Amino acid sequence: NEGSYDWSVYDKQVDWCQKNRLVACGGPLLLLDKRGFPDWLCLWEGDFPSLMSFVSDYVETCVTRYQGKIQIWDCAARANVGSVLSLTEEQRLRLTV
């Protein structure tokens, strides 16, 4: 849901890695395909500044939540071929950066 994240599955996975002394890898933080964006974001298609704000908030919240617990981050995937929300190549690049 917009503005609300469900971290329960990921918290369990990260806790399991820590208990078993494994290096935790997270991500991709940005996945530019239909699996990587919640359905409600389609309401903001065409409003790139708002999309940028939502993505930035998610990445900041996620990285802050798992700071010190996840050692390796996969930052982005499918940025060069993703076709989500009719984003232009430049917009996909800006989101990735």
PDB file of N, CA and C in Angstrom:
ATOM      1  N   ASN A   1       0.835  -1.193   0.000  1.00  0.00           N
ATOM      2  CA  ASN A   1       0.000   0.000   0.000  1.00  0.00           C
ATOM      3  C   ASN A   1       0.873   1.247   0.000  1.00  0.00           C
ATOM      4  N   GLU A   2       0.346   2.307  -0.573  1.00  0.00           N
ATOM      5  CA  GLU A   2       1.107   3.548  -0.651  1.00  0.00           C
ATOM      6  C   GLU A   2       1.491   4.030   0.739  1.00  0.00           C
ATOM      7  N   GLY A   3       2.771   4.327   0.917  1.00  0.00           N
ATOM      8  CA  GLY A   3       3.270   4.856   2.188  1.00  0.00           C
ATOM      9  C   GLY A   3       3.453   3.827   3.279  1.00  0.00           C
ATOM     10  N   SER A   4       3.216   2.566   2.976  1.00  0.00           N
ATOM     11  CA  SER A   4       3.316   1.511   3.984  1.00  0.00           C
ATOM     12  C   SER A   4       4.086   0.339   3.396  1.00  0.00           C
ATOM     13  N   TYR A   5       5.073  -0.147   4.131  1.00  0.00           N
ATOM     14  CA  TYR A   5       5.905  -1.241   3.658  1.00  0.00           C
ATOM     15  C   TYR A   5       5.727  -2.452   4.569  1.00  0.00           C
ATOM     16  N   ASP A   6       5.779  -3.642   3.992  1.00  0.00           N
ATOM     17  CA  ASP A   6       5.725  -4.889   4.758  1.00  0.00           C
ATOM     18  C   ASP A   6       7.102  -5.528   4.692  1.00  0.00           C
ATOM     19  N   TRP A   7       7.846  -5.410   5.764  1.00  0.00           N
ATOM     20  CA  TRP A   7       9.220  -5.899   5.816  1.00  0.00           C
ATOM     21  C   TRP A   7       9.319  -7.295   6.433  1.00  0.00           C
ATOM     22  N   SER A   8       8.219  -7.902   6.827  1.00  0.00           N
ATOM     23  CA  SER A   8       8.251  -9.126   7.635  1.00  0.00           C
ATOM     24  C   SER A   8       9.071 -10.257   7.008  1.00  0.00           C
ATOM     25  N   VAL A   9       8.890 -10.541   5.747  1.00  0.00           N
ATOM     26  CA  VAL A   9       9.634 -11.630   5.092  1.00  0.00           C
ATOM     27  C   VAL A   9      11.127 -11.301   5.070  1.00  0.00           C
ATOM     28  N   TYR A  10      11.465 -10.071   4.741  1.00  0.00           N
ATOM     29  CA  TYR A  10      12.865  -9.678   4.618  1.00  0.00           C
ATOM     30  C   TYR A  10      13.545  -9.622   5.987  1.00  0.00           C
ATOM     31  N   ASP A  11      12.817  -9.191   7.011  1.00  0.00           N
ATOM     32  CA  ASP A  11      13.371  -9.187   8.361  1.00  0.00           C
ATOM     33  C   ASP A  11      13.760 -10.598   8.780  1.00  0.00           C
ATOM     34  N   LYS A  12      12.900 -11.568   8.489  1.00  0.00           N
ATOM     35  CA  LYS A  12      13.193 -12.961   8.837  1.00  0.00           C
ATOM     36  C   LYS A  12      14.415 -13.467   8.081  1.00  0.00           C
ATOM     37  N   GLN A  13      14.506 -13.144   6.803  1.00  0.00           N
ATOM     38  CA  GLN A  13      15.645 -13.593   6.010  1.00  0.00           C
ATOM     39  C   GLN A  13      16.949 -12.985   6.506  1.00  0.00           C
ATOM     40  N   VAL A  14      16.938 -11.700   6.809  1.00  0.00           N
ATOM     41  CA  VAL A  14      18.139 -11.026   7.294  1.00  0.00           C
ATOM     42  C   VAL A  14      18.520 -11.565   8.676  1.00  0.00           C
ATOM     43  N   ASP A  15      17.545 -11.773   9.548  1.00  0.00           N
ATOM     44  CA  ASP A  15      17.822 -12.343  10.869  1.00  0.00           C
ATOM     45  C   ASP A  15      18.444 -13.728  10.745  1.00  0.00           C
ATOM     46  N   TRP A  16      17.926 -14.536   9.824  1.00  0.00           N
ATOM     47  CA  TRP A  16      18.466 -15.876   9.618  1.00  0.00           C
ATOM     48  C   TRP A  16      19.927 -15.799   9.163  1.00  0.00           C
ATOM     49  N   CYS A  17      20.213 -14.890   8.258  1.00  0.00           N
ATOM     50  CA  CYS A  17      21.595 -14.715   7.795  1.00  0.00           C
ATOM     51  C   CYS A  17      22.507 -14.316   8.954  1.00  0.00           C
ATOM     52  N   GLN A  18      22.042 -13.397   9.782  1.00  0.00           N
ATOM     53  CA  GLN A  18      22.860 -12.954  10.908  1.00  0.00           C
ATOM     54  C   GLN A  18      23.094 -14.098  11.903  1.00  0.00           C
ATOM     55  N   LYS A  19      22.056 -14.853  12.218  1.00  0.00           N
ATOM     56  CA  LYS A  19      22.184 -15.972  13.161  1.00  0.00           C
ATOM     57  C   LYS A  19      23.130 -17.038  12.639  1.00  0.00           C
ATOM     58  N   ASN A  20      23.195 -17.199  11.327  1.00  0.00           N
ATOM     59  CA  ASN A  20      24.047 -18.215  10.716  1.00  0.00           C
ATOM     60  C   ASN A  20      25.368 -17.650  10.199  1.00  0.00           C
ATOM     61  N   ARG A  21      25.657 -16.411  10.594  1.00  0.00           N
ATOM     62  CA  ARG A  21      26.921 -15.739  10.257  1.00  0.00           C
ATOM     63  C   ARG A  21      27.200 -15.722   8.758  1.00  0.00           C
ATOM     64  N   LEU A  22      26.169 -15.415   8.009  1.00  0.00           N
ATOM     65  CA  LEU A  22      26.302 -15.307   6.560  1.00  0.00           C
ATOM     66  C   LEU A  22      26.301 -13.840   6.146  1.00  0.00           C
ATOM     67  N   VAL A  23      26.972 -13.555   5.064  1.00  0.00           N
ATOM     68  CA  VAL A  23      26.944 -12.208   4.501  1.00  0.00           C
ATOM     69  C   VAL A  23      25.597 -12.035   3.794  1.00  0.00           C
ATOM     70  N   ALA A  24      24.877 -11.023   4.181  1.00  0.00           N
ATOM     71  CA  ALA A  24      23.567 -10.774   3.580  1.00  0.00           C
ATOM     72  C   ALA A  24      23.708  -9.845   2.376  1.00  0.00           C
ATOM     73  N   CYS A  25      23.076 -10.233   1.283  1.00  0.00           N
ATOM     74  CA  CYS A  25      23.029  -9.422   0.071  1.00  0.00           C
ATOM     75  C   CYS A  25      21.582  -8.990  -0.140  1.00  0.00           C
ATOM     76  N   GLY A  26      21.363  -7.742  -0.454  1.00  0.00           N
ATOM     77  CA  GLY A  26      20.008  -7.236  -0.655  1.00  0.00           C
ATOM     78  C   GLY A  26      19.836  -6.593  -2.008  1.00  0.00           C
ATOM     79  N   GLY A  27      18.610  -6.638  -2.473  1.00  0.00           N
ATOM     80  CA  GLY A  27      18.303  -5.943  -3.710  1.00  0.00           C
ATOM     81  C   GLY A  27      17.728  -6.849  -4.770  1.00  0.00           C
ATOM     82  N   PRO A  28      17.504  -6.321  -5.916  1.00  0.00           N
ATOM     83  CA  PRO A  28      17.827  -4.949  -6.306  1.00  0.00           C
ATOM     84  C   PRO A  28      16.878  -3.949  -5.644  1.00  0.00           C
ATOM     85  N   LEU A  29      17.426  -2.824  -5.279  1.00  0.00           N
ATOM     86  CA  LEU A  29      16.610  -1.773  -4.681  1.00  0.00           C
ATOM     87  C   LEU A  29      15.646  -1.174  -5.699  1.00  0.00           C
ATOM     88  N   LEU A  30      16.045  -1.157  -6.933  1.00  0.00           N
ATOM     89  CA  LEU A  30      15.211  -0.635  -8.020  1.00  0.00           C
ATOM     90  C   LEU A  30      15.167  -1.687  -9.121  1.00  0.00           C
ATOM     91  N   LEU A  31      13.991  -2.224  -9.359  1.00  0.00           N
ATOM     92  CA  LEU A  31      13.784  -3.222 -10.414  1.00  0.00           C
ATOM     93  C   LEU A  31      12.789  -2.631 -11.398  1.00  0.00           C
ATOM     94  N   LEU A  32      13.268  -2.275 -12.569  1.00  0.00           N
ATOM     95  CA  LEU A  32      12.433  -1.553 -13.528  1.00  0.00           C
ATOM     96  C   LEU A  32      11.662  -2.502 -14.441  1.00  0.00           C
ATOM     97  N   ASP A  33      10.793  -3.299 -13.820  1.00  0.00           N
ATOM     98  CA  ASP A  33       9.820  -4.089 -14.560  1.00  0.00           C
ATOM     99  C   ASP A  33       8.565  -4.203 -13.698  1.00  0.00           C
ATOM    100  N   LYS A  34       7.551  -4.885 -14.199  1.00  0.00           N
ATOM    101  CA  LYS A  34       6.264  -4.934 -13.495  1.00  0.00           C
ATOM    102  C   LYS A  34       6.364  -5.557 -12.108  1.00  0.00           C
ATOM    103  N   ARG A  35       7.335  -6.462 -11.903  1.00  0.00           N
ATOM    104  CA  ARG A  35       7.499  -7.086 -10.590  1.00  0.00           C
ATOM    105  C   ARG A  35       8.125  -6.136  -9.579  1.00  0.00           C
ATOM    106  N   GLY A  36       8.805  -5.118 -10.063  1.00  0.00           N
ATOM    107  CA  GLY A  36       9.555  -4.249  -9.182  1.00  0.00           C
ATOM    108  C   GLY A  36       8.817  -3.011  -8.709  1.00  0.00           C
ATOM    109  N   PHE A  37       7.665  -2.737  -9.274  1.00  0.00           N
ATOM    110  CA  PHE A  37       6.903  -1.553  -8.888  1.00  0.00           C
ATOM    111  C   PHE A  37       5.536  -1.980  -8.369  1.00  0.00           C
ATOM    112  N   PRO A  38       5.089  -1.422  -7.271  1.00  0.00           N
ATOM    113  CA  PRO A  38       3.748  -1.757  -6.777  1.00  0.00           C
ATOM    114  C   PRO A  38       2.667  -1.252  -7.741  1.00  0.00           C
ATOM    115  N   ASP A  39       1.539  -1.932  -7.728  1.00  0.00           N
ATOM    116  CA  ASP A  39       0.439  -1.587  -8.637  1.00  0.00           C
ATOM    117  C   ASP A  39      -0.021  -0.141  -8.492  1.00  0.00           C
ATOM    118  N   TRP A  40      -0.039   0.376  -7.262  1.00  0.00           N
ATOM    119  CA  TRP A  40      -0.569   1.726  -7.046  1.00  0.00           C
ATOM    120  C   TRP A  40       0.270   2.809  -7.722  1.00  0.00           C
ATOM    121  N   LEU A  41       1.516   2.505  -8.091  1.00  0.00           N
ATOM    122  CA  LEU A  41       2.336   3.523  -8.759  1.00  0.00           C
ATOM    123  C   LEU A  41       1.815   3.890 -10.138  1.00  0.00           C
ATOM    124  N   CYS A  42       0.999   3.021 -10.742  1.00  0.00           N
ATOM    125  CA  CYS A  42       0.459   3.349 -12.065  1.00  0.00           C
ATOM    126  C   CYS A  42      -0.409   4.609 -12.016  1.00  0.00           C
ATOM    127  N   LEU A  43      -0.931   4.937 -10.836  1.00  0.00           N
ATOM    128  CA  LEU A  43      -1.707   6.172 -10.688  1.00  0.00           C
ATOM    129  C   LEU A  43      -0.849   7.417 -10.909  1.00  0.00           C
ATOM    130  N   TRP A  44       0.452   7.262 -10.770  1.00  0.00           N
ATOM    131  CA  TRP A  44       1.377   8.384 -10.888  1.00  0.00           C
ATOM    132  C   TRP A  44       2.134   8.369 -12.216  1.00  0.00           C
ATOM    133  N   GLU A  45       1.711   7.498 -13.130  1.00  0.00           N
ATOM    134  CA  GLU A  45       2.368   7.446 -14.442  1.00  0.00           C
ATOM    135  C   GLU A  45       2.260   8.814 -15.107  1.00  0.00           C
ATOM    136  N   GLY A  46       3.359   9.285 -15.622  1.00  0.00           N
ATOM    137  CA  GLY A  46       3.377  10.607 -16.247  1.00  0.00           C
ATOM    138  C   GLY A  46       3.789  11.722 -15.302  1.00  0.00           C
ATOM    139  N   ASP A  47       3.841  11.430 -14.003  1.00  0.00           N
ATOM    140  CA  ASP A  47       4.269  12.417 -13.007  1.00  0.00           C
ATOM    141  C   ASP A  47       5.640  11.991 -12.479  1.00  0.00           C
ATOM    142  N   PHE A  48       6.668  12.240 -13.282  1.00  0.00           N
ATOM    143  CA  PHE A  48       8.003  11.757 -12.944  1.00  0.00           C
ATOM    144  C   PHE A  48       8.534  12.298 -11.616  1.00  0.00           C
ATOM    145  N   PRO A  49       8.337  13.583 -11.288  1.00  0.00           N
ATOM    146  CA  PRO A  49       8.835  14.057  -9.982  1.00  0.00           C
ATOM    147  C   PRO A  49       8.248  13.271  -8.799  1.00  0.00           C
ATOM    148  N   SER A  50       6.980  12.917  -8.881  1.00  0.00           N
ATOM    149  CA  SER A  50       6.377  12.122  -7.801  1.00  0.00           C
ATOM    150  C   SER A  50       6.946  10.708  -7.773  1.00  0.00           C
ATOM    151  N   LEU A  51       7.108  10.103  -8.950  1.00  0.00           N
ATOM    152  CA  LEU A  51       7.716   8.774  -9.017  1.00  0.00           C
ATOM    153  C   LEU A  51       9.117   8.792  -8.413  1.00  0.00           C
ATOM    154  N   MET A  52       9.892   9.806  -8.755  1.00  0.00           N
ATOM    155  CA  MET A  52      11.239   9.945  -8.227  1.00  0.00           C
ATOM    156  C   MET A  52      11.195  10.051  -6.691  1.00  0.00           C
ATOM    157  N   SER A  53      10.250  10.789  -6.193  1.00  0.00           N
ATOM    158  CA  SER A  53      10.107  10.951  -4.748  1.00  0.00           C
ATOM    159  C   SER A  53       9.765   9.622  -4.068  1.00  0.00           C
ATOM    160  N   PHE A  54       8.828   8.863  -4.653  1.00  0.00           N
ATOM    161  CA  PHE A  54       8.449   7.570  -4.078  1.00  0.00           C
ATOM    162  C   PHE A  54       9.617   6.594  -4.085  1.00  0.00           C
ATOM    163  N   VAL A  55      10.332   6.539  -5.191  1.00  0.00           N
ATOM    164  CA  VAL A  55      11.472   5.629  -5.302  1.00  0.00           C
ATOM    165  C   VAL A  55      12.562   6.024  -4.308  1.00  0.00           C
ATOM    166  N   SER A  56      12.862   7.312  -4.213  1.00  0.00           N
ATOM    167  CA  SER A  56      13.888   7.782  -3.277  1.00  0.00           C
ATOM    168  C   SER A  56      13.513   7.454  -1.838  1.00  0.00           C
ATOM    169  N   ASP A  57      12.246   7.655  -1.499  1.00  0.00           N
ATOM    170  CA  ASP A  57      11.783   7.344  -0.143  1.00  0.00           C
ATOM    171  C   ASP A  57      11.941   5.858   0.154  1.00  0.00           C
ATOM    172  N   TYR A  58      11.555   5.013  -0.799  1.00  0.00           N
ATOM    173  CA  TYR A  58      11.679   3.568  -0.593  1.00  0.00           C
ATOM    174  C   TYR A  58      13.133   3.156  -0.389  1.00  0.00           C
ATOM    175  N   VAL A  59      14.025   3.623  -1.261  1.00  0.00           N
ATOM    176  CA  VAL A  59      15.438   3.242  -1.172  1.00  0.00           C
ATOM    177  C   VAL A  59      16.025   3.716   0.156  1.00  0.00           C
ATOM    178  N   GLU A  60      15.762   4.962   0.525  1.00  0.00           N
ATOM    179  CA  GLU A  60      16.282   5.490   1.788  1.00  0.00           C
ATOM    180  C   GLU A  60      15.747   4.703   2.984  1.00  0.00           C
ATOM    181  N   THR A  61      14.460   4.391   2.982  1.00  0.00           N
ATOM    182  CA  THR A  61      13.852   3.642   4.080  1.00  0.00           C
ATOM    183  C   THR A  61      14.443   2.242   4.182  1.00  0.00           C
ATOM    184  N   CYS A  62      14.600   1.584   3.048  1.00  0.00           N
ATOM    185  CA  CYS A  62      15.124   0.225   3.016  1.00  0.00           C
ATOM    186  C   CYS A  62      16.572   0.170   3.493  1.00  0.00           C
ATOM    187  N   VAL A  63      17.406   1.033   2.955  1.00  0.00           N
ATOM    188  CA  VAL A  63      18.825   1.027   3.311  1.00  0.00           C
ATOM    189  C   VAL A  63      19.009   1.395   4.783  1.00  0.00           C
ATOM    190  N   THR A  64      18.240   2.341   5.269  1.00  0.00           N
ATOM    191  CA  THR A  64      18.318   2.721   6.677  1.00  0.00           C
ATOM    192  C   THR A  64      17.880   1.569   7.576  1.00  0.00           C
ATOM    193  N   ARG A  65      16.815   0.879   7.205  1.00  0.00           N
ATOM    194  CA  ARG A  65      16.292  -0.231   8.001  1.00  0.00           C
ATOM    195  C   ARG A  65      17.327  -1.344   8.153  1.00  0.00           C
ATOM    196  N   TYR A  66      18.043  -1.636   7.083  1.00  0.00           N
ATOM    197  CA  TYR A  66      18.969  -2.766   7.092  1.00  0.00           C
ATOM    198  C   TYR A  66      20.432  -2.347   7.204  1.00  0.00           C
ATOM    199  N   GLN A  67      20.662  -1.107   7.609  1.00  0.00           N
ATOM    200  CA  GLN A  67      22.032  -0.618   7.785  1.00  0.00           C
ATOM    201  C   GLN A  67      22.751  -1.484   8.815  1.00  0.00           C
ATOM    202  N   GLY A  68      23.930  -1.955   8.444  1.00  0.00           N
ATOM    203  CA  GLY A  68      24.712  -2.807   9.332  1.00  0.00           C
ATOM    204  C   GLY A  68      24.297  -4.267   9.304  1.00  0.00           C
ATOM    205  N   LYS A  69      23.201  -4.579   8.618  1.00  0.00           N
ATOM    206  CA  LYS A  69      22.718  -5.959   8.533  1.00  0.00           C
ATOM    207  C   LYS A  69      22.929  -6.551   7.146  1.00  0.00           C
ATOM    208  N   ILE A  70      22.809  -5.713   6.123  1.00  0.00           N
ATOM    209  CA  ILE A  70      23.052  -6.147   4.746  1.00  0.00           C
ATOM    210  C   ILE A  70      24.370  -5.528   4.311  1.00  0.00           C
ATOM    211  N   GLN A  71      25.297  -6.397   3.913  1.00  0.00           N
ATOM    212  CA  GLN A  71      26.641  -5.938   3.592  1.00  0.00           C
ATOM    213  C   GLN A  71      26.827  -5.604   2.107  1.00  0.00           C
ATOM    214  N   ILE A  72      26.046  -6.232   1.248  1.00  0.00           N
ATOM    215  CA  ILE A  72      26.192  -6.021  -0.201  1.00  0.00           C
ATOM    216  C   ILE A  72      24.818  -5.674  -0.779  1.00  0.00           C
ATOM    217  N   TRP A  73      24.762  -4.579  -1.516  1.00  0.00           N
ATOM    218  CA  TRP A  73      23.513  -4.147  -2.139  1.00  0.00           C
ATOM    219  C   TRP A  73      23.613  -4.256  -3.661  1.00  0.00           C
ATOM    220  N   ASP A  74      22.583  -4.822  -4.253  1.00  0.00           N
ATOM    221  CA  ASP A  74      22.385  -4.776  -5.700  1.00  0.00           C
ATOM    222  C   ASP A  74      21.476  -3.569  -5.908  1.00  0.00           C
ATOM    223  N   CYS A  75      21.988  -2.524  -6.491  1.00  0.00           N
ATOM    224  CA  CYS A  75      21.258  -1.255  -6.538  1.00  0.00           C
ATOM    225  C   CYS A  75      20.124  -1.213  -7.554  1.00  0.00           C
ATOM    226  N   ALA A  76      20.362  -1.728  -8.761  1.00  0.00           N
ATOM    227  CA  ALA A  76      19.338  -1.611  -9.797  1.00  0.00           C
ATOM    228  C   ALA A  76      19.420  -2.774 -10.770  1.00  0.00           C
ATOM    229  N   ALA A  77      18.282  -3.110 -11.345  1.00  0.00           N
ATOM    230  CA  ALA A  77      18.212  -4.162 -12.362  1.00  0.00           C
ATOM    231  C   ALA A  77      17.218  -3.751 -13.439  1.00  0.00           C
ATOM    232  N   ARG A  78      17.508  -4.180 -14.658  1.00  0.00           N
ATOM    233  CA  ARG A  78      16.659  -3.939 -15.821  1.00  0.00           C
ATOM    234  C   ARG A  78      16.489  -2.450 -16.141  1.00  0.00           C
ATOM    235  N   ALA A  79      17.452  -1.647 -15.707  1.00  0.00           N
ATOM    236  CA  ALA A  79      17.370  -0.207 -15.976  1.00  0.00           C
ATOM    237  C   ALA A  79      17.503   0.099 -17.458  1.00  0.00           C
ATOM    238  N   ASN A  80      18.196  -0.753 -18.188  1.00  0.00           N
ATOM    239  CA  ASN A  80      18.398  -0.492 -19.614  1.00  0.00           C
ATOM    240  C   ASN A  80      17.293  -1.071 -20.489  1.00  0.00           C
ATOM    241  N   VAL A  81      16.504  -1.991 -19.970  1.00  0.00           N
ATOM    242  CA  VAL A  81      15.473  -2.625 -20.792  1.00  0.00           C
ATOM    243  C   VAL A  81      14.076  -2.576 -20.171  1.00  0.00           C
ATOM    244  N   GLY A  82      13.980  -2.155 -18.934  1.00  0.00           N
ATOM    245  CA  GLY A  82      12.675  -2.118 -18.277  1.00  0.00           C
ATOM    246  C   GLY A  82      11.715  -1.189 -18.981  1.00  0.00           C
ATOM    247  N   SER A  83      10.467  -1.574 -19.021  1.00  0.00           N
ATOM    248  CA  SER A  83       9.482  -0.747 -19.725  1.00  0.00           C
ATOM    249  C   SER A  83       8.318  -0.376 -18.808  1.00  0.00           C
ATOM    250  N   VAL A  84       8.599  -0.216 -17.564  1.00  0.00           N
ATOM    251  CA  VAL A  84       7.556   0.059 -16.596  1.00  0.00           C
ATOM    252  C   VAL A  84       7.103   1.519 -16.680  1.00  0.00           C
ATOM    253  N   LEU A  85       5.816   1.729 -16.572  1.00  0.00           N
ATOM    254  CA  LEU A  85       5.211   3.063 -16.488  1.00  0.00           C
ATOM    255  C   LEU A  85       5.594   4.008 -17.619  1.00  0.00           C
ATOM    256  N   SER A  86       5.887   3.495 -18.781  1.00  0.00           N
ATOM    257  CA  SER A  86       6.201   4.314 -19.951  1.00  0.00           C
ATOM    258  C   SER A  86       7.324   5.315 -19.696  1.00  0.00           C
ATOM    259  N   LEU A  87       8.303   4.920 -18.903  1.00  0.00           N
ATOM    260  CA  LEU A  87       9.427   5.807 -18.616  1.00  0.00           C
ATOM    261  C   LEU A  87      10.351   5.890 -19.827  1.00  0.00           C
ATOM    262  N   THR A  88      10.866   7.081 -20.060  1.00  0.00           N
ATOM    263  CA  THR A  88      11.846   7.247 -21.133  1.00  0.00           C
ATOM    264  C   THR A  88      13.191   6.698 -20.664  1.00  0.00           C
ATOM    265  N   GLU A  89      14.110   6.550 -21.590  1.00  0.00           N
ATOM    266  CA  GLU A  89      15.456   6.069 -21.241  1.00  0.00           C
ATOM    267  C   GLU A  89      16.111   7.036 -20.239  1.00  0.00           C
ATOM    268  N   GLU A  90      15.965   8.320 -20.454  1.00  0.00           N
ATOM    269  CA  GLU A  90      16.544   9.304 -19.551  1.00  0.00           C
ATOM    270  C   GLU A  90      15.933   9.199 -18.147  1.00  0.00           C
ATOM    271  N   GLN A  91      14.610   9.002 -18.062  1.00  0.00           N
ATOM    272  CA  GLN A  91      13.960   8.859 -16.759  1.00  0.00           C
ATOM    273  C   GLN A  91      14.422   7.582 -16.035  1.00  0.00           C
ATOM    274  N   ARG A  92      14.573   6.484 -16.781  1.00  0.00           N
ATOM    275  CA  ARG A  92      15.075   5.261 -16.158  1.00  0.00           C
ATOM    276  C   ARG A  92      16.480   5.476 -15.612  1.00  0.00           C
ATOM    277  N   LEU A  93      17.297   6.177 -16.369  1.00  0.00           N
ATOM    278  CA  LEU A  93      18.656   6.478 -15.928  1.00  0.00           C
ATOM    279  C   LEU A  93      18.643   7.365 -14.686  1.00  0.00           C
ATOM    280  N   ARG A  94      17.800   8.365 -14.661  1.00  0.00           N
ATOM    281  CA  ARG A  94      17.709   9.279 -13.500  1.00  0.00           C
ATOM    282  C   ARG A  94      17.245   8.526 -12.263  1.00  0.00           C
ATOM    283  N   LEU A  95      16.292   7.626 -12.404  1.00  0.00           N
ATOM    284  CA  LEU A  95      15.861   6.815 -11.254  1.00  0.00           C
ATOM    285  C   LEU A  95      16.986   5.935 -10.747  1.00  0.00           C
ATOM    286  N   THR A  96      17.733   5.372 -11.660  1.00  0.00           N
ATOM    287  CA  THR A  96      18.838   4.492 -11.290  1.00  0.00           C
ATOM    288  C   THR A  96      19.920   5.263 -10.539  1.00  0.00           C
ATOM    289  N   VAL A  97      20.240   6.435 -11.030  1.00  0.00           N
ATOM    290  CA  VAL A  97      21.267   7.260 -10.375  1.00  0.00           C
ATOM    291  C   VAL A  97      20.766   7.679  -9.009  1.00  0.00           C
TER     292      VAL A  97
END
